[in-house]
């Protein structure tokens, strides 16, 4: 399954689209693995439990929104 350059926001949230995106972009997938683990840890270090929750929320948002943002930036070029 390929990612379309005109990927809509709702389509980018679908599991199959996200999986296809990360399979096609291995470097971004590795970066997202780091983000998923490090953001909550940085949050704990900076401000405790509230920071951990905020870090977890930001990492999940980054994981979900990266395919849409990347396709949007690619279509503008």
Protein backbone atom coordinates (compact mmCIF):
# COMPACT_ATOMS: atom_id res chain seq x y z
CA UNK A 1 0.00 0.00 0.00
CA UNK A 2 1.45 3.35 -0.95
CA UNK A 3 0.91 6.69 0.69
CA UNK A 4 -0.77 9.27 -1.52
CA UNK A 5 0.57 12.82 -1.58
CA UNK A 6 -3.04 14.04 -1.15
CA UNK A 7 -3.52 12.12 2.10
CA UNK A 8 -6.35 13.61 4.12
CA UNK A 9 -6.13 14.09 7.87
CA UNK A 10 -8.74 11.42 8.61
CA UNK A 11 -7.04 8.95 6.25
CA UNK A 12 -3.69 9.56 7.93
CA UNK A 13 -5.14 8.38 11.25
CA UNK A 14 -6.02 4.96 9.84
CA UNK A 15 -3.79 2.12 10.99
CA UNK A 16 -3.10 0.76 7.48
CA UNK A 17 -2.01 4.16 6.17
CA UNK A 18 0.22 4.76 9.18
CA UNK A 19 1.77 1.29 8.90
CA UNK A 20 2.46 1.76 5.19
CA UNK A 21 4.03 5.15 5.87
CA UNK A 22 6.38 3.88 8.56
CA UNK A 23 7.33 0.81 6.51
CA UNK A 24 8.27 3.09 3.63
CA UNK A 25 10.19 5.55 5.80
CA UNK A 26 12.48 3.47 8.03
CA UNK A 27 14.52 6.45 9.27
CA UNK A 28 11.41 8.29 10.42
CA UNK A 29 10.16 5.10 12.07
CA UNK A 30 13.39 4.81 14.06
CA UNK A 31 13.14 8.45 15.08
CA UNK A 32 9.56 7.91 16.25
CA UNK A 33 10.65 4.94 18.38
CA UNK A 34 13.14 7.24 20.10
CA UNK A 35 10.52 9.96 20.53
CA UNK A 36 8.01 7.49 22.01
CA UNK A 37 10.49 6.43 24.69
CA UNK A 38 12.36 9.66 25.36
CA UNK A 39 9.58 12.27 25.59
CA UNK A 40 7.96 10.71 28.70
CA UNK A 41 11.39 10.26 30.31
CA UNK A 42 12.28 13.90 29.66
CA UNK A 43 8.90 14.89 31.09
CA UNK A 44 9.59 12.96 34.30
CA UNK A 45 13.02 14.52 34.56
CA UNK A 46 11.72 18.05 34.05
CA UNK A 47 8.51 18.10 36.09
CA UNK A 48 7.58 14.70 37.49
CA UNK A 49 4.34 12.86 36.87
CA UNK A 50 2.60 15.71 35.07
CA UNK A 51 5.59 16.00 32.73
CA UNK A 52 5.46 12.26 32.06
CA UNK A 53 1.80 12.51 31.10
CA UNK A 54 2.49 15.51 28.88
CA UNK A 55 5.48 13.74 27.30
CA UNK A 56 3.37 10.65 26.63
CA UNK A 57 0.64 12.75 25.04
CA UNK A 58 3.12 14.59 22.83
CA UNK A 59 4.81 11.38 21.73
CA UNK A 60 1.50 9.78 20.79
CA UNK A 61 0.44 12.92 18.90
CA UNK A 62 3.76 12.96 17.05
CA UNK A 63 3.38 9.29 16.14
CA UNK A 64 -0.13 9.81 14.79
CA UNK A 65 0.45 13.13 13.00
CA UNK A 66 3.84 12.51 11.36
CA UNK A 67 2.44 10.76 8.23
CA UNK A 68 -0.01 13.61 7.61
CA UNK A 69 2.55 16.36 8.17
CA UNK A 70 5.13 14.64 5.95
CA UNK A 71 2.64 14.13 3.11
CA UNK A 72 1.46 17.74 3.43
CA UNK A 73 5.01 19.07 3.27
CA UNK A 74 5.83 16.81 0.30
CA UNK A 75 2.76 17.99 -1.62
CA UNK A 76 3.76 21.64 -1.14
CA UNK A 77 7.09 21.10 -2.90
